[in-house]
Full PDB file with SEQRES, HELIX, SHEET, SSBOND, CRYST1, ORIGX, SCALE, CONECT and MASTER records, all heavy atoms in Angstrom:
SEQRES   1 A   36  GLY TRP SER TRP ASP ASN LYS LEU ALA ASP PHE ALA ASN          
SEQRES   2 A   36  ARG GLY GLU LEU ASP ILE ALA VAL THR ASN GLY PHE ILE          
SEQRES   3 A   36  ARG GLY SER THR ASN ARG TRP PRO GLN LEU                      
SHEET    1 AA1 2 SER A   3  ALA A   9  0                                        
SHEET    2 AA1 2 ASP A  18  ASN A  23 -1                                        
CRYST1    1.000    1.000    1.000  90.00  90.00  90.00 P 1           1          
ORIGX1      1.000000  0.000000  0.000000        0.00000                         
ORIGX2      0.000000  1.000000  0.000000        0.00000                         
ORIGX3      0.000000  0.000000  1.000000        0.00000                         
SCALE1      1.000000  0.000000  0.000000        0.00000                         
SCALE2      0.000000  1.000000  0.000000        0.00000                         
SCALE3      0.000000  0.000000  1.000000        0.00000                         
ATOM      1  N   GLY A   1     -13.776  40.199  30.400  1.00  0.00           N  
ATOM      2  CA  GLY A   1     -12.337  40.246  30.607  1.00  0.00           C  
ATOM      3  C   GLY A   1     -11.653  40.899  29.421  1.00  0.00           C  
ATOM      4  O   GLY A   1     -12.248  41.675  28.679  1.00  0.00           O  
ATOM      5  N   TRP A   2     -10.370  40.581  29.255  1.00  0.00           N  
ATOM      6  CA  TRP A   2      -9.624  41.051  28.086  1.00  0.00           C  
ATOM      7  C   TRP A   2      -9.992  40.091  26.958  1.00  0.00           C  
ATOM      8  O   TRP A   2      -9.337  39.103  26.716  1.00  0.00           O  
ATOM      9  CB  TRP A   2      -8.119  41.029  28.362  1.00  0.00           C  
ATOM     10  CG  TRP A   2      -7.309  41.795  27.373  1.00  0.00           C  
ATOM     11  CD1 TRP A   2      -7.287  41.628  26.025  1.00  0.00           C  
ATOM     12  CD2 TRP A   2      -6.379  42.855  27.655  1.00  0.00           C  
ATOM     13  NE1 TRP A   2      -6.411  42.499  25.444  1.00  0.00           N  
ATOM     14  CE2 TRP A   2      -5.841  43.264  26.409  1.00  0.00           C  
ATOM     15  CE3 TRP A   2      -5.958  43.476  28.811  1.00  0.00           C  
ATOM     16  CZ2 TRP A   2      -4.888  44.277  26.314  1.00  0.00           C  
ATOM     17  CZ3 TRP A   2      -5.001  44.491  28.720  1.00  0.00           C  
ATOM     18  CH2 TRP A   2      -4.477  44.885  27.479  1.00  0.00           C  
ATOM     19  N   SER A   3     -11.067  40.412  26.251  1.00  0.00           N  
ATOM     20  CA  SER A   3     -11.753  39.432  25.417  1.00  0.00           C  
ATOM     21  C   SER A   3     -11.267  39.472  23.967  1.00  0.00           C  
ATOM     22  O   SER A   3     -10.964  40.531  23.425  1.00  0.00           O  
ATOM     23  CB  SER A   3     -13.258  39.669  25.469  1.00  0.00           C  
ATOM     24  OG  SER A   3     -13.720  39.645  26.801  1.00  0.00           O  
ATOM     25  N   TRP A   4     -11.269  38.297  23.345  1.00  0.00           N  
ATOM     26  CA  TRP A   4     -10.790  38.153  21.977  1.00  0.00           C  
ATOM     27  C   TRP A   4     -11.877  37.533  21.103  1.00  0.00           C  
ATOM     28  O   TRP A   4     -12.897  38.138  20.861  1.00  0.00           O  
ATOM     29  CB  TRP A   4      -9.492  37.327  21.947  1.00  0.00           C  
ATOM     30  CG  TRP A   4      -8.361  37.962  22.690  1.00  0.00           C  
ATOM     31  CD1 TRP A   4      -8.097  37.883  24.024  1.00  0.00           C  
ATOM     32  CD2 TRP A   4      -7.347  38.811  22.150  1.00  0.00           C  
ATOM     33  NE1 TRP A   4      -6.987  38.622  24.341  1.00  0.00           N  
ATOM     34  CE2 TRP A   4      -6.498  39.192  23.217  1.00  0.00           C  
ATOM     35  CE3 TRP A   4      -7.052  39.264  20.863  1.00  0.00           C  
ATOM     36  CZ2 TRP A   4      -5.384  40.022  23.030  1.00  0.00           C  
ATOM     37  CZ3 TRP A   4      -5.946  40.084  20.675  1.00  0.00           C  
ATOM     38  CH2 TRP A   4      -5.129  40.464  21.740  1.00  0.00           C  
ATOM     39  N   ASP A   5     -11.642  36.317  20.657  1.00  0.00           N  
ATOM     40  CA  ASP A   5     -12.578  35.656  19.760  1.00  0.00           C  
ATOM     41  C   ASP A   5     -13.891  35.347  20.467  1.00  0.00           C  
ATOM     42  O   ASP A   5     -13.929  35.163  21.698  1.00  0.00           O  
ATOM     43  CB  ASP A   5     -11.944  34.341  19.273  1.00  0.00           C  
ATOM     44  CG  ASP A   5     -12.523  33.861  17.959  1.00  0.00           C  
ATOM     45  OD1 ASP A   5     -13.082  34.676  17.207  1.00  0.00           O  
ATOM     46  OD2 ASP A   5     -12.406  32.656  17.676  1.00  0.00           O  
ATOM     47  N   ASN A   6     -14.976  35.282  19.698  1.00  0.00           N  
ATOM     48  CA  ASN A   6     -16.227  34.780  20.247  1.00  0.00           C  
ATOM     49  C   ASN A   6     -16.972  33.996  19.182  1.00  0.00           C  
ATOM     50  O   ASN A   6     -16.802  34.237  17.986  1.00  0.00           O  
ATOM     51  CB  ASN A   6     -17.095  35.914  20.822  1.00  0.00           C  
ATOM     52  CG  ASN A   6     -17.747  36.772  19.761  1.00  0.00           C  
ATOM     53  OD1 ASN A   6     -18.716  36.361  19.118  1.00  0.00           O  
ATOM     54  ND2 ASN A   6     -17.226  37.987  19.571  1.00  0.00           N  
ATOM     55  N   LYS A   7     -17.780  33.047  19.609  1.00  0.00           N  
ATOM     56  CA  LYS A   7     -18.609  32.262  18.708  1.00  0.00           C  
ATOM     57  C   LYS A   7     -19.999  32.135  19.300  1.00  0.00           C  
ATOM     58  O   LYS A   7     -20.157  31.790  20.488  1.00  0.00           O  
ATOM     59  CB  LYS A   7     -18.016  30.869  18.473  1.00  0.00           C  
ATOM     60  CG  LYS A   7     -16.739  30.859  17.655  1.00  0.00           C  
ATOM     61  CD  LYS A   7     -16.998  31.281  16.208  1.00  0.00           C  
ATOM     62  CE  LYS A   7     -15.696  31.324  15.406  1.00  0.00           C  
ATOM     63  NZ  LYS A   7     -14.810  32.434  15.813  1.00  0.00           N  
ATOM     64  N   LEU A   8     -21.019  32.402  18.465  1.00  0.00           N  
ATOM     65  CA  LEU A   8     -22.405  32.183  18.829  1.00  0.00           C  
ATOM     66  C   LEU A   8     -22.794  30.800  18.329  1.00  0.00           C  
ATOM     67  O   LEU A   8     -22.766  30.540  17.119  1.00  0.00           O  
ATOM     68  CB  LEU A   8     -23.303  33.247  18.202  1.00  0.00           C  
ATOM     69  CG  LEU A   8     -22.947  34.711  18.482  1.00  0.00           C  
ATOM     70  CD1 LEU A   8     -23.957  35.642  17.843  1.00  0.00           C  
ATOM     71  CD2 LEU A   8     -22.856  34.977  19.966  1.00  0.00           C  
ATOM     72  N   ALA A   9     -23.146  29.908  19.241  1.00  0.00           N  
ATOM     73  CA  ALA A   9     -23.446  28.522  18.874  1.00  0.00           C  
ATOM     74  C   ALA A   9     -24.319  27.900  19.945  1.00  0.00           C  
ATOM     75  O   ALA A   9     -24.256  28.286  21.119  1.00  0.00           O  
ATOM     76  CB  ALA A   9     -22.149  27.713  18.709  1.00  0.00           C  
ATOM     77  N   ASP A  10     -25.119  26.916  19.555  1.00  0.00           N  
ATOM     78  CA  ASP A  10     -26.006  26.212  20.486  1.00  0.00           C  
ATOM     79  C   ASP A  10     -25.340  24.893  20.873  1.00  0.00           C  
ATOM     80  O   ASP A  10     -25.387  23.922  20.127  1.00  0.00           O  
ATOM     81  CB  ASP A  10     -27.356  25.965  19.815  1.00  0.00           C  
ATOM     82  CG  ASP A  10     -28.399  25.406  20.774  1.00  0.00           C  
ATOM     83  OD1 ASP A  10     -28.015  24.941  21.864  1.00  0.00           O  
ATOM     84  OD2 ASP A  10     -29.591  25.414  20.425  1.00  0.00           O  
ATOM     85  N   PHE A  11     -24.722  24.873  22.044  1.00  0.00           N  
ATOM     86  CA  PHE A  11     -23.940  23.707  22.448  1.00  0.00           C  
ATOM     87  C   PHE A  11     -24.770  22.612  23.120  1.00  0.00           C  
ATOM     88  O   PHE A  11     -24.240  21.535  23.398  1.00  0.00           O  
ATOM     89  CB  PHE A  11     -22.810  24.140  23.386  1.00  0.00           C  
ATOM     90  CG  PHE A  11     -21.735  24.934  22.702  1.00  0.00           C  
ATOM     91  CD1 PHE A  11     -21.615  26.299  22.906  1.00  0.00           C  
ATOM     92  CD2 PHE A  11     -20.855  24.320  21.836  1.00  0.00           C  
ATOM     93  CE1 PHE A  11     -20.632  27.044  22.267  1.00  0.00           C  
ATOM     94  CE2 PHE A  11     -19.866  25.041  21.185  1.00  0.00           C  
ATOM     95  CZ  PHE A  11     -19.756  26.408  21.402  1.00  0.00           C  
ATOM     96  N   ALA A  12     -26.025  22.862  23.401  1.00  0.00           N  
ATOM     97  CA  ALA A  12     -26.885  21.822  23.985  1.00  0.00           C  
ATOM     98  C   ALA A  12     -28.150  21.616  23.164  1.00  0.00           C  
ATOM     99  O   ALA A  12     -29.061  20.909  23.595  1.00  0.00           O  
ATOM    100  CB  ALA A  12     -27.249  22.172  25.431  1.00  0.00           C  
ATOM    101  N   ASN A  13     -28.203  22.216  21.966  1.00  0.00           N  
ATOM    102  CA  ASN A  13     -29.384  22.121  21.100  1.00  0.00           C  
ATOM    103  C   ASN A  13     -30.651  22.535  21.840  1.00  0.00           C  
ATOM    104  O   ASN A  13     -31.720  21.956  21.651  1.00  0.00           O  
ATOM    105  CB  ASN A  13     -29.536  20.699  20.542  1.00  0.00           C  
ATOM    106  CG  ASN A  13     -28.412  20.339  19.576  1.00  0.00           C  
ATOM    107  OD1 ASN A  13     -27.771  21.216  18.996  1.00  0.00           O  
ATOM    108  ND2 ASN A  13     -28.161  19.051  19.426  1.00  0.00           N  
ATOM    109  N   ARG A  14     -30.517  23.582  22.666  1.00  0.00           N  
ATOM    110  CA  ARG A  14     -31.661  24.085  23.433  1.00  0.00           C  
ATOM    111  C   ARG A  14     -32.571  24.971  22.593  1.00  0.00           C  
ATOM    112  O   ARG A  14     -33.660  25.339  23.028  1.00  0.00           O  
ATOM    113  CB  ARG A  14     -31.174  24.896  24.643  1.00  0.00           C  
ATOM    114  CG  ARG A  14     -30.388  24.115  25.666  1.00  0.00           C  
ATOM    115  CD  ARG A  14     -29.726  25.031  26.693  1.00  0.00           C  
ATOM    116  NE  ARG A  14     -30.686  25.901  27.351  1.00  0.00           N  
ATOM    117  CZ  ARG A  14     -30.626  27.230  27.357  1.00  0.00           C  
ATOM    118  NH1 ARG A  14     -29.663  27.864  26.700  1.00  0.00           N  
ATOM    119  NH2 ARG A  14     -31.519  27.942  28.005  1.00  0.00           N  
ATOM    120  N   GLY A  15     -32.101  25.349  21.403  1.00  0.00           N  
ATOM    121  CA  GLY A  15     -32.843  26.313  20.614  1.00  0.00           C  
ATOM    122  C   GLY A  15     -32.475  27.742  20.950  1.00  0.00           C  
ATOM    123  O   GLY A  15     -33.165  28.672  20.537  1.00  0.00           O  
ATOM    124  N   GLU A  16     -31.393  27.931  21.707  1.00  0.00           N  
ATOM    125  CA  GLU A  16     -30.885  29.260  22.060  1.00  0.00           C  
ATOM    126  C   GLU A  16     -29.374  29.282  21.834  1.00  0.00           C  
ATOM    127  O   GLU A  16     -28.674  28.317  22.161  1.00  0.00           O  
ATOM    128  CB  GLU A  16     -31.180  29.595  23.522  1.00  0.00           C  
ATOM    129  CG  GLU A  16     -32.653  29.679  23.863  1.00  0.00           C  
ATOM    130  CD  GLU A  16     -33.357  30.878  23.239  1.00  0.00           C  
ATOM    131  OE1 GLU A  16     -32.654  31.767  22.709  1.00  0.00           O  
ATOM    132  OE2 GLU A  16     -34.600  30.920  23.279  1.00  0.00           O  
ATOM    133  N   LEU A  17     -28.885  30.387  21.279  1.00  0.00           N  
ATOM    134  CA  LEU A  17     -27.458  30.520  21.035  1.00  0.00           C  
ATOM    135  C   LEU A  17     -26.711  30.826  22.324  1.00  0.00           C  
ATOM    136  O   LEU A  17     -27.079  31.737  23.070  1.00  0.00           O  
ATOM    137  CB  LEU A  17     -27.195  31.625  20.016  1.00  0.00           C  
ATOM    138  CG  LEU A  17     -27.661  31.348  18.583  1.00  0.00           C  
ATOM    139  CD1 LEU A  17     -27.434  32.575  17.710  1.00  0.00           C  
ATOM    140  CD2 LEU A  17     -26.936  30.142  18.000  1.00  0.00           C  
ATOM    141  N   ASP A  18     -25.675  30.060  22.589  1.00  0.00           N  
ATOM    142  CA  ASP A  18     -24.731  30.364  23.653  1.00  0.00           C  
ATOM    143  C   ASP A  18     -23.642  31.274  23.078  1.00  0.00           C  
ATOM    144  O   ASP A  18     -23.477  31.383  21.857  1.00  0.00           O  
ATOM    145  CB  ASP A  18     -24.111  29.084  24.202  1.00  0.00           C  
ATOM    146  CG  ASP A  18     -25.155  28.050  24.581  1.00  0.00           C  
ATOM    147  OD1 ASP A  18     -26.093  28.401  25.320  1.00  0.00           O  
ATOM    148  OD2 ASP A  18     -25.051  26.890  24.126  1.00  0.00           O  
ATOM    149  N   ILE A  19     -22.887  31.934  23.947  1.00  0.00           N  
ATOM    150  CA  ILE A  19     -21.825  32.833  23.504  1.00  0.00           C  
ATOM    151  C   ILE A  19     -20.524  32.425  24.194  1.00  0.00           C  
ATOM    152  O   ILE A  19     -20.373  32.607  25.405  1.00  0.00           O  
ATOM    153  CB  ILE A  19     -22.155  34.300  23.827  1.00  0.00           C  
ATOM    154  CG1 ILE A  19     -23.532  34.688  23.266  1.00  0.00           C  
ATOM    155  CG2 ILE A  19     -21.070  35.220  23.266  1.00  0.00           C  
ATOM    156  CD1 ILE A  19     -24.009  36.061  23.702  1.00  0.00           C  
ATOM    157  N   ALA A  20     -19.609  31.846  23.420  1.00  0.00           N  
ATOM    158  CA  ALA A  20     -18.299  31.463  23.950  1.00  0.00           C  
ATOM    159  C   ALA A  20     -17.308  32.583  23.649  1.00  0.00           C  
ATOM    160  O   ALA A  20     -17.259  33.082  22.520  1.00  0.00           O  
ATOM    161  CB  ALA A  20     -17.835  30.155  23.321  1.00  0.00           C  
ATOM    162  N   VAL A  21     -16.523  32.983  24.655  1.00  0.00           N  
ATOM    163  CA  VAL A  21     -15.613  34.124  24.529  1.00  0.00           C  
ATOM    164  C   VAL A  21     -14.250  33.747  25.095  1.00  0.00           C  
ATOM    165  O   VAL A  21     -14.156  33.256  26.232  1.00  0.00           O  
ATOM    166  CB  VAL A  21     -16.153  35.368  25.273  1.00  0.00           C  
ATOM    167  CG1 VAL A  21     -15.247  36.570  25.032  1.00  0.00           C  
ATOM    168  CG2 VAL A  21     -17.579  35.687  24.854  1.00  0.00           C  
ATOM    169  N   THR A  22     -13.174  33.987  24.325  1.00  0.00           N  
ATOM    170  CA  THR A  22     -11.820  33.783  24.835  1.00  0.00           C  
ATOM    171  C   THR A  22     -11.348  35.039  25.543  1.00  0.00           C  
ATOM    172  O   THR A  22     -11.757  36.155  25.208  1.00  0.00           O  
ATOM    173  CB  THR A  22     -10.842  33.429  23.706  1.00  0.00           C  
ATOM    174  OG1 THR A  22     -10.874  34.447  22.704  1.00  0.00           O  
ATOM    175  CG2 THR A  22     -11.208  32.089  23.082  1.00  0.00           C  
ATOM    176  N   ASN A  23     -10.436  34.862  26.510  1.00  0.00           N  
ATOM    177  CA  ASN A  23     -10.008  35.981  27.356  1.00  0.00           C  
ATOM    178  C   ASN A  23      -8.547  35.846  27.772  1.00  0.00           C  
ATOM    179  O   ASN A  23      -7.970  34.757  27.746  1.00  0.00           O  
ATOM    180  CB  ASN A  23     -10.868  36.046  28.625  1.00  0.00           C  
ATOM    181  CG  ASN A  23     -12.310  36.406  28.346  1.00  0.00           C  
ATOM    182  OD1 ASN A  23     -12.621  37.515  27.960  1.00  0.00           O  
ATOM    183  ND2 ASN A  23     -13.199  35.433  28.527  1.00  0.00           N  
ATOM    184  N   GLY A  24      -7.987  36.966  28.244  1.00  0.00           N  
ATOM    185  CA  GLY A  24      -6.634  36.991  28.805  1.00  0.00           C  
ATOM    186  C   GLY A  24      -5.638  37.638  27.863  1.00  0.00           C  
ATOM    187  O   GLY A  24      -5.776  37.572  26.640  1.00  0.00           O  
ATOM    188  N   PHE A  25      -4.594  38.266  28.441  1.00  0.00           N  
ATOM    189  CA  PHE A  25      -3.616  38.973  27.607  1.00  0.00           C  
ATOM    190  C   PHE A  25      -2.241  38.323  27.721  1.00  0.00           C  
ATOM    191  O   PHE A  25      -1.932  37.405  26.973  1.00  0.00           O  
ATOM    192  CB  PHE A  25      -3.595  40.446  27.981  1.00  0.00           C  
ATOM    193  CG  PHE A  25      -2.791  41.305  27.044  1.00  0.00           C  
ATOM    194  CD1 PHE A  25      -2.944  41.204  25.672  1.00  0.00           C  
ATOM    195  CD2 PHE A  25      -1.879  42.229  27.533  1.00  0.00           C  
ATOM    196  CE1 PHE A  25      -2.204  41.990  24.799  1.00  0.00           C  
ATOM    197  CE2 PHE A  25      -1.136  43.030  26.679  1.00  0.00           C  
ATOM    198  CZ  PHE A  25      -1.306  42.906  25.314  1.00  0.00           C  
ATOM    199  N   ILE A  26      -1.405  38.763  28.664  1.00  0.00           N  
ATOM    200  CA  ILE A  26      -0.090  38.153  28.823  1.00  0.00           C  
ATOM    201  C   ILE A  26       0.047  37.654  30.258  1.00  0.00           C  
ATOM    202  O   ILE A  26      -0.369  38.314  31.205  1.00  0.00           O  
ATOM    203  CB  ILE A  26       1.059  39.124  28.471  1.00  0.00           C  
ATOM    204  CG1 ILE A  26       0.977  40.418  29.266  1.00  0.00           C  
ATOM    205  CG2 ILE A  26       1.037  39.421  26.981  1.00  0.00           C  
ATOM    206  CD1 ILE A  26       2.135  41.372  28.999  1.00  0.00           C  
ATOM    207  N   ARG A  27       0.637  36.468  30.401  1.00  0.00           N  
ATOM    208  CA  ARG A  27       0.685  35.805  31.698  1.00  0.00           C  
ATOM    209  C   ARG A  27       2.090  35.856  32.283  1.00  0.00           C  
ATOM    210  O   ARG A  27       3.068  35.541  31.604  1.00  0.00           O  
ATOM    211  CB  ARG A  27       0.235  34.350  31.558  1.00  0.00           C  
ATOM    212  CG  ARG A  27      -0.016  33.646  32.874  1.00  0.00           C  
ATOM    213  CD  ARG A  27      -0.476  32.235  32.637  1.00  0.00           C  
ATOM    214  NE  ARG A  27      -0.866  31.580  33.877  1.00  0.00           N  
ATOM    215  CZ  ARG A  27      -1.101  30.282  33.990  1.00  0.00           C  
ATOM    216  NH1 ARG A  27      -0.967  29.499  32.942  1.00  0.00           N  
ATOM    217  NH2 ARG A  27      -1.464  29.768  35.140  1.00  0.00           N  
ATOM    218  N   GLY A  28       2.179  36.264  33.538  1.00  0.00           N  
ATOM    219  CA  GLY A  28       3.452  36.315  34.225  1.00  0.00           C  
ATOM    220  C   GLY A  28       3.233  36.462  35.714  1.00  0.00           C  
ATOM    221  O   GLY A  28       2.166  36.128  36.237  1.00  0.00           O  
ATOM    222  N   SER A  29       4.219  37.005  36.419  1.00  0.00           N  
ATOM    223  CA  SER A  29       4.128  37.130  37.872  1.00  0.00           C  
ATOM    224  C   SER A  29       4.153  38.574  38.362  1.00  0.00           C  
ATOM    225  O   SER A  29       3.825  38.841  39.518  1.00  0.00           O  
ATOM    226  CB  SER A  29       5.285  36.370  38.535  1.00  0.00           C  
ATOM    227  OG  SER A  29       6.534  36.838  38.047  1.00  0.00           O  
ATOM    228  N   THR A  30       4.527  39.525  37.487  1.00  0.00           N  
ATOM    229  CA  THR A  30       4.595  40.934  37.877  1.00  0.00           C  
ATOM    230  C   THR A  30       3.413  41.692  37.291  1.00  0.00           C  
ATOM    231  O   THR A  30       3.267  41.784  36.070  1.00  0.00           O  
ATOM    232  CB  THR A  30       5.907  41.577  37.392  1.00  0.00           C  
ATOM    233  OG1 THR A  30       7.020  40.847  37.918  1.00  0.00           O  
ATOM    234  CG2 THR A  30       5.990  43.025  37.847  1.00  0.00           C  
ATOM    235  N   ASN A  31       2.575  42.227  38.152  1.00  0.00           N  
ATOM    236  CA  ASN A  31       1.362  42.917  37.717  1.00  0.00           C  
ATOM    237  C   ASN A  31       1.716  44.251  37.052  1.00  0.00           C  
ATOM    238  O   ASN A  31       2.308  45.128  37.672  1.00  0.00           O  
ATOM    239  CB  ASN A  31       0.450  43.154  38.925  1.00  0.00           C  
ATOM    240  CG  ASN A  31      -0.877  43.783  38.537  1.00  0.00           C  
ATOM    241  OD1 ASN A  31      -1.139  44.052  37.379  1.00  0.00           O  
ATOM    242  ND2 ASN A  31      -1.717  44.017  39.533  1.00  0.00           N  
ATOM    243  N   ARG A  32       1.342  44.407  35.800  1.00  0.00           N  
ATOM    244  CA  ARG A  32       1.633  45.638  35.060  1.00  0.00           C  
ATOM    245  C   ARG A  32       0.379  46.473  34.789  1.00  0.00           C  
ATOM    246  O   ARG A  32       0.406  47.366  33.948  1.00  0.00           O  
ATOM    247  CB  ARG A  32       2.317  45.295  33.736  1.00  0.00           C  
ATOM    248  CG  ARG A  32       3.722  44.746  33.892  1.00  0.00           C  
ATOM    249  CD  ARG A  32       4.648  45.751  34.549  1.00  0.00           C  
ATOM    250  NE  ARG A  32       6.033  45.290  34.603  1.00  0.00           N  
ATOM    251  CZ  ARG A  32       6.992  45.875  35.284  1.00  0.00           C  
ATOM    252  NH1 ARG A  32       6.704  46.979  35.977  1.00  0.00           N  
ATOM    253  NH2 ARG A  32       8.213  45.398  35.288  1.00  0.00           N  
ATOM    254  N   TRP A  33      -0.716  46.182  35.503  1.00  0.00           N  
ATOM    255  CA  TRP A  33      -1.912  46.972  35.305  1.00  0.00           C  
ATOM    256  C   TRP A  33      -1.707  48.460  35.638  1.00  0.00           C  
ATOM    257  O   TRP A  33      -2.214  49.331  34.913  1.00  0.00           O  
ATOM    258  CB  TRP A  33      -3.070  46.414  36.130  1.00  0.00           C  
ATOM    259  CG  TRP A  33      -3.922  45.458  35.363  1.00  0.00           C  
ATOM    260  CD1 TRP A  33      -4.060  44.117  35.567  1.00  0.00           C  
ATOM    261  CD2 TRP A  33      -4.772  45.760  34.249  1.00  0.00           C  
ATOM    262  NE1 TRP A  33      -4.923  43.564  34.656  1.00  0.00           N  
ATOM    263  CE2 TRP A  33      -5.386  44.552  33.832  1.00  0.00           C  
ATOM    264  CE3 TRP A  33      -5.078  46.920  33.555  1.00  0.00           C  
ATOM    265  CZ2 TRP A  33      -6.281  44.484  32.774  1.00  0.00           C  
ATOM    266  CZ3 TRP A  33      -5.966  46.857  32.493  1.00  0.00           C  
ATOM    267  CH2 TRP A  33      -6.556  45.651  32.114  1.00  0.00           C  
ATOM    268  N   PRO A  34      -0.978  48.818  36.701  1.00  0.00           N  
ATOM    269  CA  PRO A  34      -0.807  50.257  36.972  1.00  0.00           C  
ATOM    270  C   PRO A  34      -0.179  51.006  35.801  1.00  0.00           C  
ATOM    271  O   PRO A  34      -0.615  52.107  35.446  1.00  0.00           O  
ATOM    272  CB  PRO A  34       0.093  50.276  38.209  1.00  0.00           C  
ATOM    273  CG  PRO A  34      -0.195  48.979  38.898  1.00  0.00           C  
ATOM    274  CD  PRO A  34      -0.394  47.990  37.790  1.00  0.00           C  
ATOM    275  N   GLN A  35       0.854  50.400  35.191  1.00  0.00           N  
ATOM    276  CA  GLN A  35       1.504  51.058  34.064  1.00  0.00           C  
ATOM    277  C   GLN A  35       0.566  51.145  32.854  1.00  0.00           C  
ATOM    278  O   GLN A  35       0.563  52.141  32.127  1.00  0.00           O  
ATOM    279  CB  GLN A  35       2.784  50.308  33.685  1.00  0.00           C  
ATOM    280  CG  GLN A  35       3.906  50.454  34.690  1.00  0.00           C  
ATOM    281  CD  GLN A  35       3.767  49.518  35.886  1.00  0.00           C  
ATOM    282  OE1 GLN A  35       2.849  48.691  35.949  1.00  0.00           O  
ATOM    283  NE2 GLN A  35       4.685  49.643  36.835  1.00  0.00           N  
ATOM    284  N   LEU A  36      -0.235  50.088  32.652  1.00  0.00           N  
ATOM    285  CA  LEU A  36      -1.175  50.112  31.530  1.00  0.00           C  
ATOM    286  C   LEU A  36      -2.225  51.198  31.726  1.00  0.00           C  
ATOM    287  O   LEU A  36      -2.608  51.896  30.778  1.00  0.00           O  
ATOM    288  CB  LEU A  36      -1.851  48.747  31.375  1.00  0.00           C  
ATOM    289  CG  LEU A  36      -2.862  48.640  30.229  1.00  0.00           C  
ATOM    290  CD1 LEU A  36      -2.198  48.919  28.897  1.00  0.00           C  
ATOM    291  CD2 LEU A  36      -3.521  47.269  30.224  1.00  0.00           C  
TER     292      LEU A  36                                                      
MASTER        0    0    0    0    2    0    0    6  291    1    0    3          
END                                                                             
């Protein structure tokens, strides 16, 4: 998505790093993707 911060961390102690990623830009009701 429109991705921002990420952290590599093992959230279940499985011995493998998970990747958490934040997403999203501006929230409203009028879609401005065509203009972007």
